[in-house]
PDB file of N, CA and C in Angstrom:
ATOM      1  N   MET A   1     134.967 -52.743 173.078  1.00  0.00           N
ATOM      2  CA  MET A   1     134.172 -52.961 174.273  1.00  0.00           C
ATOM      3  C   MET A   1     133.821 -51.605 174.895  1.00  0.00           C
ATOM      4  N   ASP A   2     132.562 -51.453 175.296  1.00  0.00           N
ATOM      5  CA  ASP A   2     132.087 -50.209 175.891  1.00  0.00           C
ATOM      6  C   ASP A   2     132.697 -50.041 177.277  1.00  0.00           C
ATOM      7  N   ASP A   3     133.151 -48.838 177.573  1.00  0.00           N
ATOM      8  CA  ASP A   3     133.808 -48.552 178.838  1.00  0.00           C
ATOM      9  C   ASP A   3     132.821 -48.167 179.928  1.00  0.00           C
ATOM     10  N   THR A   4     131.530 -48.068 179.600  1.00  0.00           N
ATOM     11  CA  THR A   4     130.521 -47.686 180.587  1.00  0.00           C
ATOM     12  C   THR A   4     129.583 -48.851 180.868  1.00  0.00           C
ATOM     13  N   LEU A   5     128.886 -48.720 181.972  1.00  0.00           N
ATOM     14  CA  LEU A   5     127.973 -49.753 182.422  1.00  0.00           C
ATOM     15  C   LEU A   5     126.756 -49.079 183.029  1.00  0.00           C
ATOM     16  N   SER A   6     125.571 -49.574 182.716  1.00  0.00           N
ATOM     17  CA  SER A   6     124.341 -49.063 183.327  1.00  0.00           C
ATOM     18  C   SER A   6     124.010 -49.939 184.525  1.00  0.00           C
ATOM     19  N   ILE A   7     123.869 -49.302 185.671  1.00  0.00           N
ATOM     20  CA  ILE A   7     123.496 -50.021 186.885  1.00  0.00           C
ATOM     21  C   ILE A   7     122.334 -49.296 187.546  1.00  0.00           C
ATOM     22  N   THR A   8     121.670 -49.980 188.445  1.00  0.00           N
ATOM     23  CA  THR A   8     120.613 -49.373 189.245  1.00  0.00           C
ATOM     24  C   THR A   8     120.932 -49.633 190.704  1.00  0.00           C
ATOM     25  N   LEU A   9     121.093 -48.559 191.455  1.00  0.00           N
ATOM     26  CA  LEU A   9     121.315 -48.664 192.889  1.00  0.00           C
ATOM     27  C   LEU A   9     119.959 -48.560 193.570  1.00  0.00           C
ATOM     28  N   ARG A  10     119.774 -49.346 194.608  1.00  0.00           N
ATOM     29  CA  ARG A  10     118.495 -49.377 195.312  1.00  0.00           C
ATOM     30  C   ARG A  10     118.690 -49.011 196.778  1.00  0.00           C
ATOM     31  N   PHE A  11     117.853 -48.075 197.213  1.00  0.00           N
ATOM     32  CA  PHE A  11     117.859 -47.621 198.598  1.00  0.00           C
ATOM     33  C   PHE A  11     116.422 -47.619 199.085  1.00  0.00           C
ATOM     34  N   GLY A  12     116.021 -48.662 199.778  1.00  0.00           N
ATOM     35  CA  GLY A  12     114.631 -48.768 200.215  1.00  0.00           C
ATOM     36  C   GLY A  12     113.722 -48.813 199.006  1.00  0.00           C
ATOM     37  N   SER A  13     112.757 -47.914 198.960  1.00  0.00           N
ATOM     38  CA  SER A  13     111.822 -47.878 197.835  1.00  0.00           C
ATOM     39  C   SER A  13     112.340 -47.018 196.684  1.00  0.00           C
ATOM     40  N   TRP A  14     113.510 -46.410 196.865  1.00  0.00           N
ATOM     41  CA  TRP A  14     114.076 -45.545 195.837  1.00  0.00           C
ATOM     42  C   TRP A  14     115.028 -46.327 194.944  1.00  0.00           C
ATOM     43  N   THR A  15     115.032 -45.976 193.677  1.00  0.00           N
ATOM     44  CA  THR A  15     116.009 -46.537 192.748  1.00  0.00           C
ATOM     45  C   THR A  15     116.753 -45.396 192.076  1.00  0.00           C
ATOM     46  N   LEU A  16     117.986 -45.659 191.766  1.00  0.00           N
ATOM     47  CA  LEU A  16     118.823 -44.644 191.150  1.00  0.00           C
ATOM     48  C   LEU A  16     119.575 -45.274 189.975  1.00  0.00           C
ATOM     49  N   PRO A  17     119.012 -45.132 188.757  1.00  0.00           N
ATOM     50  CA  PRO A  17     119.729 -45.652 187.596  1.00  0.00           C
ATOM     51  C   PRO A  17     120.916 -44.745 187.273  1.00  0.00           C
ATOM     52  N   MET A  18     122.041 -45.368 186.949  1.00  0.00           N
ATOM     53  CA  MET A  18     123.261 -44.610 186.674  1.00  0.00           C
ATOM     54  C   MET A  18     124.035 -45.257 185.540  1.00  0.00           C
ATOM     55  N   THR A  19     124.788 -44.443 184.846  1.00  0.00           N
ATOM     56  CA  THR A  19     125.768 -44.944 183.890  1.00  0.00           C
ATOM     57  C   THR A  19     127.130 -44.580 184.452  1.00  0.00           C
ATOM     58  N   ILE A  20     127.955 -45.596 184.667  1.00  0.00           N
ATOM     59  CA  ILE A  20     129.247 -45.402 185.327  1.00  0.00           C
ATOM     60  C   ILE A  20     130.349 -46.039 184.488  1.00  0.00           C
ATOM     61  N   LYS A  21     131.580 -45.738 184.835  1.00  0.00           N
ATOM     62  CA  LYS A  21     132.706 -46.425 184.217  1.00  0.00           C
ATOM     63  C   LYS A  21     132.683 -47.876 184.687  1.00  0.00           C
ATOM     64  N   ARG A  22     132.888 -48.764 183.782  1.00  0.00           N
ATOM     65  CA  ARG A  22     132.821 -50.196 184.073  1.00  0.00           C
ATOM     66  C   ARG A  22     133.752 -50.586 185.225  1.00  0.00           C
ATOM     67  N   ASP A  23     134.945 -50.022 185.255  1.00  0.00           N
ATOM     68  CA  ASP A  23     135.905 -50.400 186.283  1.00  0.00           C
ATOM     69  C   ASP A  23     135.594 -49.789 187.658  1.00  0.00           C
ATOM     70  N   GLU A  24     134.545 -48.984 187.754  1.00  0.00           N
ATOM     71  CA  GLU A  24     134.155 -48.400 189.037  1.00  0.00           C
ATOM     72  C   GLU A  24     132.917 -49.050 189.641  1.00  0.00           C
ATOM     73  N   GLU A  25     132.415 -50.108 189.008  1.00  0.00           N
ATOM     74  CA  GLU A  25     131.197 -50.744 189.526  1.00  0.00           C
ATOM     75  C   GLU A  25     131.360 -51.192 190.971  1.00  0.00           C
ATOM     76  N   TYR A  26     132.480 -51.815 191.289  1.00  0.00           N
ATOM     77  CA  TYR A  26     132.700 -52.301 192.649  1.00  0.00           C
ATOM     78  C   TYR A  26     132.600 -51.163 193.664  1.00  0.00           C
ATOM     79  N   ILE A  27     133.181 -50.018 193.332  1.00  0.00           N
ATOM     80  CA  ILE A  27     133.149 -48.868 194.235  1.00  0.00           C
ATOM     81  C   ILE A  27     131.710 -48.407 194.462  1.00  0.00           C
ATOM     82  N   TYR A  28     130.927 -48.343 193.390  1.00  0.00           N
ATOM     83  CA  TYR A  28     129.526 -47.930 193.525  1.00  0.00           C
ATOM     84  C   TYR A  28     128.736 -48.937 194.345  1.00  0.00           C
ATOM     85  N   ARG A  29     128.982 -50.220 194.139  1.00  0.00           N
ATOM     86  CA  ARG A  29     128.274 -51.247 194.910  1.00  0.00           C
ATOM     87  C   ARG A  29     128.654 -51.180 196.390  1.00  0.00           C
ATOM     88  N   GLN A  30     129.913 -50.921 196.662  1.00  0.00           N
ATOM     89  CA  GLN A  30     130.344 -50.776 198.047  1.00  0.00           C
ATOM     90  C   GLN A  30     129.744 -49.519 198.682  1.00  0.00           C
ATOM     91  N   ALA A  31     129.651 -48.451 197.919  1.00  0.00           N
ATOM     92  CA  ALA A  31     129.031 -47.221 198.417  1.00  0.00           C
ATOM     93  C   ALA A  31     127.553 -47.467 198.721  1.00  0.00           C
ATOM     94  N   GLU A  32     126.879 -48.173 197.826  1.00  0.00           N
ATOM     95  CA  GLU A  32     125.469 -48.518 198.039  1.00  0.00           C
ATOM     96  C   GLU A  32     125.323 -49.311 199.335  1.00  0.00           C
ATOM     97  N   LYS A  33     126.192 -50.274 199.548  1.00  0.00           N
ATOM     98  CA  LYS A  33     126.153 -51.102 200.758  1.00  0.00           C
ATOM     99  C   LYS A  33     126.380 -50.253 202.010  1.00  0.00           C
ATOM    100  N   LEU A  34     127.362 -49.352 201.956  1.00  0.00           N
ATOM    101  CA  LEU A  34     127.649 -48.478 203.093  1.00  0.00           C
ATOM    102  C   LEU A  34     126.458 -47.589 203.417  1.00  0.00           C
ATOM    103  N   ILE A  35     125.860 -46.997 202.400  1.00  0.00           N
ATOM    104  CA  ILE A  35     124.697 -46.125 202.618  1.00  0.00           C
ATOM    105  C   ILE A  35     123.565 -46.902 203.262  1.00  0.00           C
ATOM    106  N   LYS A  36     123.298 -48.096 202.761  1.00  0.00           N
ATOM    107  CA  LYS A  36     122.226 -48.928 203.336  1.00  0.00           C
ATOM    108  C   LYS A  36     122.513 -49.279 204.792  1.00  0.00           C
ATOM    109  N   GLU A  37     123.761 -49.627 205.087  1.00  0.00           N
ATOM    110  CA  GLU A  37     124.126 -49.988 206.464  1.00  0.00           C
ATOM    111  C   GLU A  37     123.927 -48.818 207.410  1.00  0.00           C
ATOM    112  N   ARG A  38     124.426 -47.641 207.015  1.00  0.00           N
ATOM    113  CA  ARG A  38     124.305 -46.473 207.885  1.00  0.00           C
ATOM    114  C   ARG A  38     122.862 -46.017 208.009  1.00  0.00           C
ATOM    115  N   PHE A  39     122.101 -46.053 206.909  1.00  0.00           N
ATOM    116  CA  PHE A  39     120.682 -45.690 206.931  1.00  0.00           C
ATOM    117  C   PHE A  39     119.930 -46.619 207.883  1.00  0.00           C
ATOM    118  N   ASN A  40     120.174 -47.921 207.773  1.00  0.00           N
ATOM    119  CA  ASN A  40     119.509 -48.890 208.653  1.00  0.00           C
ATOM    120  C   ASN A  40     119.900 -48.683 210.113  1.00  0.00           C
ATOM    121  N   PHE A  41     121.152 -48.319 210.354  1.00  0.00           N
ATOM    122  CA  PHE A  41     121.584 -48.027 211.718  1.00  0.00           C
ATOM    123  C   PHE A  41     120.763 -46.879 212.299  1.00  0.00           C
ATOM    124  N   TYR A  42     120.620 -45.808 211.543  1.00  0.00           N
ATOM    125  CA  TYR A  42     119.890 -44.644 212.049  1.00  0.00           C
ATOM    126  C   TYR A  42     118.399 -44.908 212.175  1.00  0.00           C
ATOM    127  N   THR A  43     117.815 -45.668 211.259  1.00  0.00           N
ATOM    128  CA  THR A  43     116.376 -45.966 211.392  1.00  0.00           C
ATOM    129  C   THR A  43     116.103 -46.813 212.622  1.00  0.00           C
ATOM    130  N   SER A  44     117.028 -47.724 212.955  1.00  0.00           N
ATOM    131  CA  SER A  44     116.808 -48.549 214.139  1.00  0.00           C
ATOM    132  C   SER A  44     117.181 -47.824 215.428  1.00  0.00           C
ATOM    133  N   SER A  45     118.138 -46.909 215.354  1.00  0.00           N
ATOM    134  CA  SER A  45     118.588 -46.191 216.556  1.00  0.00           C
ATOM    135  C   SER A  45     117.702 -45.007 216.919  1.00  0.00           C
ATOM    136  N   TYR A  46     117.057 -44.394 215.917  1.00  0.00           N
ATOM    137  CA  TYR A  46     116.238 -43.197 216.143  1.00  0.00           C
ATOM    138  C   TYR A  46     114.880 -43.369 215.469  1.00  0.00           C
ATOM    139  N   PRO A  47     114.041 -44.238 216.012  1.00  0.00           N
ATOM    140  CA  PRO A  47     112.742 -44.481 215.368  1.00  0.00           C
ATOM    141  C   PRO A  47     111.862 -43.237 215.365  1.00  0.00           C
ATOM    142  N   GLY A  48     110.984 -43.178 214.356  1.00  0.00           N
ATOM    143  CA  GLY A  48     109.999 -42.105 214.302  1.00  0.00           C
ATOM    144  C   GLY A  48     110.430 -40.874 213.527  1.00  0.00           C
ATOM    145  N   GLN A  49     111.623 -40.894 212.935  1.00  0.00           N
ATOM    146  CA  GLN A  49     112.086 -39.740 212.160  1.00  0.00           C
ATOM    147  C   GLN A  49     111.604 -39.868 210.714  1.00  0.00           C
ATOM    148  N   SER A  50     111.691 -38.794 209.981  1.00  0.00           N
ATOM    149  CA  SER A  50     111.319 -38.821 208.571  1.00  0.00           C
ATOM    150  C   SER A  50     112.440 -39.465 207.748  1.00  0.00           C
ATOM    151  N   SER A  51     112.093 -39.917 206.561  1.00  0.00           N
ATOM    152  CA  SER A  51     113.113 -40.473 205.654  1.00  0.00           C
ATOM    153  C   SER A  51     114.189 -39.440 205.358  1.00  0.00           C
ATOM    154  N   GLU A  52     113.776 -38.192 205.220  1.00  0.00           N
ATOM    155  CA  GLU A  52     114.736 -37.132 204.939  1.00  0.00           C
ATOM    156  C   GLU A  52     115.729 -36.975 206.085  1.00  0.00           C
ATOM    157  N   MET A  53     115.234 -37.089 207.336  1.00  0.00           N
ATOM    158  CA  MET A  53     116.124 -36.962 208.497  1.00  0.00           C
ATOM    159  C   MET A  53     117.110 -38.124 208.527  1.00  0.00           C
ATOM    160  N   TYR A  54     116.631 -39.341 208.217  1.00  0.00           N
ATOM    161  CA  TYR A  54     117.542 -40.491 208.172  1.00  0.00           C
ATOM    162  C   TYR A  54     118.585 -40.312 207.075  1.00  0.00           C
ATOM    163  N   LEU A  55     118.183 -39.778 205.941  1.00  0.00           N
ATOM    164  CA  LEU A  55     119.134 -39.516 204.859  1.00  0.00           C
ATOM    165  C   LEU A  55     120.164 -38.486 205.294  1.00  0.00           C
ATOM    166  N   LEU A  56     119.705 -37.440 205.965  1.00  0.00           N
ATOM    167  CA  LEU A  56     120.615 -36.399 206.439  1.00  0.00           C
ATOM    168  C   LEU A  56     121.620 -36.976 207.433  1.00  0.00           C
ATOM    169  N   MET A  57     121.143 -37.791 208.367  1.00  0.00           N
ATOM    170  CA  MET A  57     122.035 -38.427 209.338  1.00  0.00           C
ATOM    171  C   MET A  57     123.066 -39.305 208.620  1.00  0.00           C
ATOM    172  N   THR A  58     122.600 -40.050 207.638  1.00  0.00           N
ATOM    173  CA  THR A  58     123.477 -40.944 206.878  1.00  0.00           C
ATOM    174  C   THR A  58     124.528 -40.152 206.118  1.00  0.00           C
ATOM    175  N   ILE A  59     124.100 -39.102 205.432  1.00  0.00           N
ATOM    176  CA  ILE A  59     125.030 -38.275 204.664  1.00  0.00           C
ATOM    177  C   ILE A  59     126.068 -37.643 205.584  1.00  0.00           C
ATOM    178  N   LEU A  60     125.620 -37.108 206.709  1.00  0.00           N
ATOM    179  CA  LEU A  60     126.545 -36.476 207.644  1.00  0.00           C
ATOM    180  C   LEU A  60     127.550 -37.488 208.181  1.00  0.00           C
ATOM    181  N   ASP A  61     127.075 -38.655 208.561  1.00  0.00           N
ATOM    182  CA  ASP A  61     127.937 -39.712 209.082  1.00  0.00           C
ATOM    183  C   ASP A  61     129.024 -40.064 208.065  1.00  0.00           C
ATOM    184  N   ILE A  62     128.631 -40.307 206.826  1.00  0.00           N
ATOM    185  CA  ILE A  62     129.585 -40.706 205.793  1.00  0.00           C
ATOM    186  C   ILE A  62     130.539 -39.553 205.465  1.00  0.00           C
ATOM    187  N   ALA A  63     130.047 -38.328 205.463  1.00  0.00           N
ATOM    188  CA  ALA A  63     130.908 -37.169 205.195  1.00  0.00           C
ATOM    189  C   ALA A  63     131.950 -37.002 206.300  1.00  0.00           C
ATOM    190  N   VAL A  64     131.549 -37.186 207.547  1.00  0.00           N
ATOM    191  CA  VAL A  64     132.491 -37.072 208.664  1.00  0.00           C
ATOM    192  C   VAL A  64     133.549 -38.167 208.569  1.00  0.00           C
ATOM    193  N   GLN A  65     133.124 -39.389 208.259  1.00  0.00           N
ATOM    194  CA  GLN A  65     134.087 -40.481 208.081  1.00  0.00           C
ATOM    195  C   GLN A  65     135.083 -40.147 206.975  1.00  0.00           C
ATOM    196  N   SER A  66     134.579 -39.599 205.888  1.00  0.00           N
ATOM    197  CA  SER A  66     135.424 -39.247 204.759  1.00  0.00           C
ATOM    198  C   SER A  66     136.442 -38.179 205.146  1.00  0.00           C
ATOM    199  N   LYS A  67     135.998 -37.148 205.863  1.00  0.00           N
ATOM    200  CA  LYS A  67     136.903 -36.077 206.274  1.00  0.00           C
ATOM    201  C   LYS A  67     137.955 -36.592 207.266  1.00  0.00           C
ATOM    202  N   ARG A  68     137.548 -37.495 208.171  1.00  0.00           N
ATOM    203  CA  ARG A  68     138.520 -38.080 209.102  1.00  0.00           C
ATOM    204  C   ARG A  68     139.587 -38.848 208.338  1.00  0.00           C
ATOM    205  N   GLN A  69     139.150 -39.651 207.396  1.00  0.00           N
ATOM    206  CA  GLN A  69     140.075 -40.441 206.582  1.00  0.00           C
ATOM    207  C   GLN A  69     140.997 -39.516 205.794  1.00  0.00           C
ATOM    208  N   GLU A  70     140.425 -38.468 205.246  1.00  0.00           N
ATOM    209  CA  GLU A  70     141.204 -37.508 204.463  1.00  0.00           C
ATOM    210  C   GLU A  70     142.296 -36.874 205.312  1.00  0.00           C
ATOM    211  N   SER A  71     141.961 -36.523 206.544  1.00  0.00           N
ATOM    212  CA  SER A  71     142.956 -35.866 207.397  1.00  0.00           C
ATOM    213  C   SER A  71     144.028 -36.840 207.858  1.00  0.00           C
ATOM    214  N   THR A  72     143.707 -38.106 208.018  1.00  0.00           N
ATOM    215  CA  THR A  72     144.733 -39.072 208.410  1.00  0.00           C
ATOM    216  C   THR A  72     145.625 -39.435 207.234  1.00  0.00           C
ATOM    217  N   ASN A  73     145.132 -39.263 206.023  1.00  0.00           N
ATOM    218  CA  ASN A  73     145.927 -39.574 204.842  1.00  0.00           C
ATOM    219  C   ASN A  73     146.665 -38.357 204.291  1.00  0.00           C
ATOM    220  N   ASP A  74     146.481 -37.208 204.904  1.00  0.00           N
ATOM    221  CA  ASP A  74     147.104 -35.983 204.418  1.00  0.00           C
ATOM    222  C   ASP A  74     148.577 -35.968 204.826  1.00  0.00           C
ATOM    223  N   ALA A  75     149.443 -36.110 203.855  1.00  0.00           N
ATOM    224  CA  ALA A  75     150.879 -36.162 204.118  1.00  0.00           C
ATOM    225  C   ALA A  75     151.521 -34.777 204.141  1.00  0.00           C
ATOM    226  N   GLU A  76     150.802 -33.760 203.761  1.00  0.00           N
ATOM    227  CA  GLU A  76     151.395 -32.423 203.651  1.00  0.00           C
ATOM    228  C   GLU A  76     152.018 -31.927 204.955  1.00  0.00           C
ATOM    229  N   PRO A  77     151.388 -32.100 206.119  1.00  0.00           N
ATOM    230  CA  PRO A  77     152.051 -31.637 207.351  1.00  0.00           C
ATOM    231  C   PRO A  77     153.399 -32.334 207.584  1.00  0.00           C
ATOM    232  N   VAL A  78     153.465 -33.606 207.269  1.00  0.00           N
ATOM    233  CA  VAL A  78     154.722 -34.343 207.439  1.00  0.00           C
ATOM    234  C   VAL A  78     155.751 -33.845 206.427  1.00  0.00           C
ATOM    235  N   LEU A  79     155.303 -33.668 205.201  1.00  0.00           N
ATOM    236  CA  LEU A  79     156.217 -33.167 204.167  1.00  0.00           C
ATOM    237  C   LEU A  79     156.746 -31.782 204.510  1.00  0.00           C
ATOM    238  N   ALA A  80     155.892 -30.954 205.075  1.00  0.00           N
ATOM    239  CA  ALA A  80     156.319 -29.608 205.459  1.00  0.00           C
ATOM    240  C   ALA A  80     157.436 -29.668 206.499  1.00  0.00           C
ATOM    241  N   LEU A  81     157.380 -30.649 207.391  1.00  0.00           N
ATOM    242  CA  LEU A  81     158.441 -30.820 208.388  1.00  0.00           C
ATOM    243  C   LEU A  81     159.709 -31.403 207.771  1.00  0.00           C
ATOM    244  N   LEU A  82     159.541 -32.272 206.788  1.00  0.00           N
ATOM    245  CA  LEU A  82     160.695 -32.943 206.202  1.00  0.00           C
ATOM    246  C   LEU A  82     161.454 -32.091 205.183  1.00  0.00           C
ATOM    247  N   ARG A  83     160.784 -31.166 204.526  1.00  0.00           N
ATOM    248  CA  ARG A  83     161.451 -30.362 203.496  1.00  0.00           C
ATOM    249  C   ARG A  83     162.692 -29.628 204.003  1.00  0.00           C
ATOM    250  N   PRO A  84     162.620 -28.928 205.142  1.00  0.00           N
ATOM    251  CA  PRO A  84     163.839 -28.257 205.635  1.00  0.00           C
ATOM    252  C   PRO A  84     164.959 -29.252 205.956  1.00  0.00           C
ATOM    253  N   LEU A  85     164.600 -30.397 206.508  1.00  0.00           N
ATOM    254  CA  LEU A  85     165.613 -31.406 206.814  1.00  0.00           C
ATOM    255  C   LEU A  85     166.259 -31.929 205.547  1.00  0.00           C
ATOM    256  N   LEU A  86     165.448 -32.158 204.539  1.00  0.00           N
ATOM    257  CA  LEU A  86     165.961 -32.627 203.258  1.00  0.00           C
ATOM    258  C   LEU A  86     166.907 -31.597 202.651  1.00  0.00           C
ATOM    259  N   SER A  87     166.550 -30.335 202.765  1.00  0.00           N
ATOM    260  CA  SER A  87     167.421 -29.272 202.253  1.00  0.00           C
ATOM    261  C   SER A  87     168.770 -29.274 202.970  1.00  0.00           C
ATOM    262  N   GLU A  88     168.738 -29.478 204.278  1.00  0.00           N
ATOM    263  CA  GLU A  88     170.000 -29.525 205.037  1.00  0.00           C
ATOM    264  C   GLU A  88     170.842 -30.721 204.619  1.00  0.00           C
ATOM    265  N   VAL A  89     170.226 -31.864 204.436  1.00  0.00           N
ATOM    266  CA  VAL A  89     170.951 -33.059 204.019  1.00  0.00           C
ATOM    267  C   VAL A  89     171.561 -32.845 202.645  1.00  0.00           C
ATOM    268  N   GLU A  90     170.775 -32.285 201.738  1.00  0.00           N
ATOM    269  CA  GLU A  90     171.291 -32.019 200.380  1.00  0.00           C
ATOM    270  C   GLU A  90     172.449 -31.033 200.426  1.00  0.00           C
ATOM    271  N   ALA A  91     172.326 -29.998 201.241  1.00  0.00           N
ATOM    272  CA  ALA A  91     173.406 -29.010 201.352  1.00  0.00           C
ATOM    273  C   ALA A  91     174.648 -29.652 201.926  1.00  0.00           C
ATOM    274  N   ALA A  92     174.507 -30.526 202.906  1.00  0.00           N
ATOM    275  CA  ALA A  92     175.661 -31.199 203.494  1.00  0.00           C
ATOM    276  C   ALA A  92     176.322 -32.118 202.472  1.00  0.00           C
ATOM    277  N   LEU A  93     175.540 -32.777 201.649  1.00  0.00           N
ATOM    278  CA  LEU A  93     176.097 -33.666 200.635  1.00  0.00           C
ATOM    279  C   LEU A  93     176.848 -32.890 199.558  1.00  0.00           C
ATOM    280  N   VAL A  94     176.354 -31.706 199.224  1.00  0.00           N
ATOM    281  CA  VAL A  94     177.005 -30.879 198.224  1.00  0.00           C
ATOM    282  C   VAL A  94     178.368 -30.408 198.728  1.00  0.00           C
ATOM    283  N   LYS A  95     178.472 -30.103 200.023  1.00  0.00           N
ATOM    284  CA  LYS A  95     179.721 -29.621 200.607  1.00  0.00           C
ATOM    285  C   LYS A  95     180.800 -30.693 200.582  1.00  0.00           C
ATOM    286  N   LYS A  96     180.442 -31.962 200.623  1.00  0.00           N
ATOM    287  CA  LYS A  96     181.432 -33.033 200.655  1.00  0.00           C
ATOM    288  C   LYS A  96     182.019 -33.228 199.350  1.00  0.00           C
TER     289      LYS A  96
END
């Protein structure tokens, strides 16, 4: 069975044919839906702009959401605080 799938994403009058991993189709379809939702939000909220401006607004919006999510999922600051504590616990256990 082929591991790839050909799909076409549609954004207004634009089409984007792609070959993707079969198991990632859902992610691409959800991304397409998100882009359409945000694009439609900006076209209705800021009438009279160019398509390029709406695309830029959409891209920026999604990028900011992604960075916010990334920072909330970043465990490194917590791990940095826990490492010294873990070392102390391990040292105390070794002494016993």
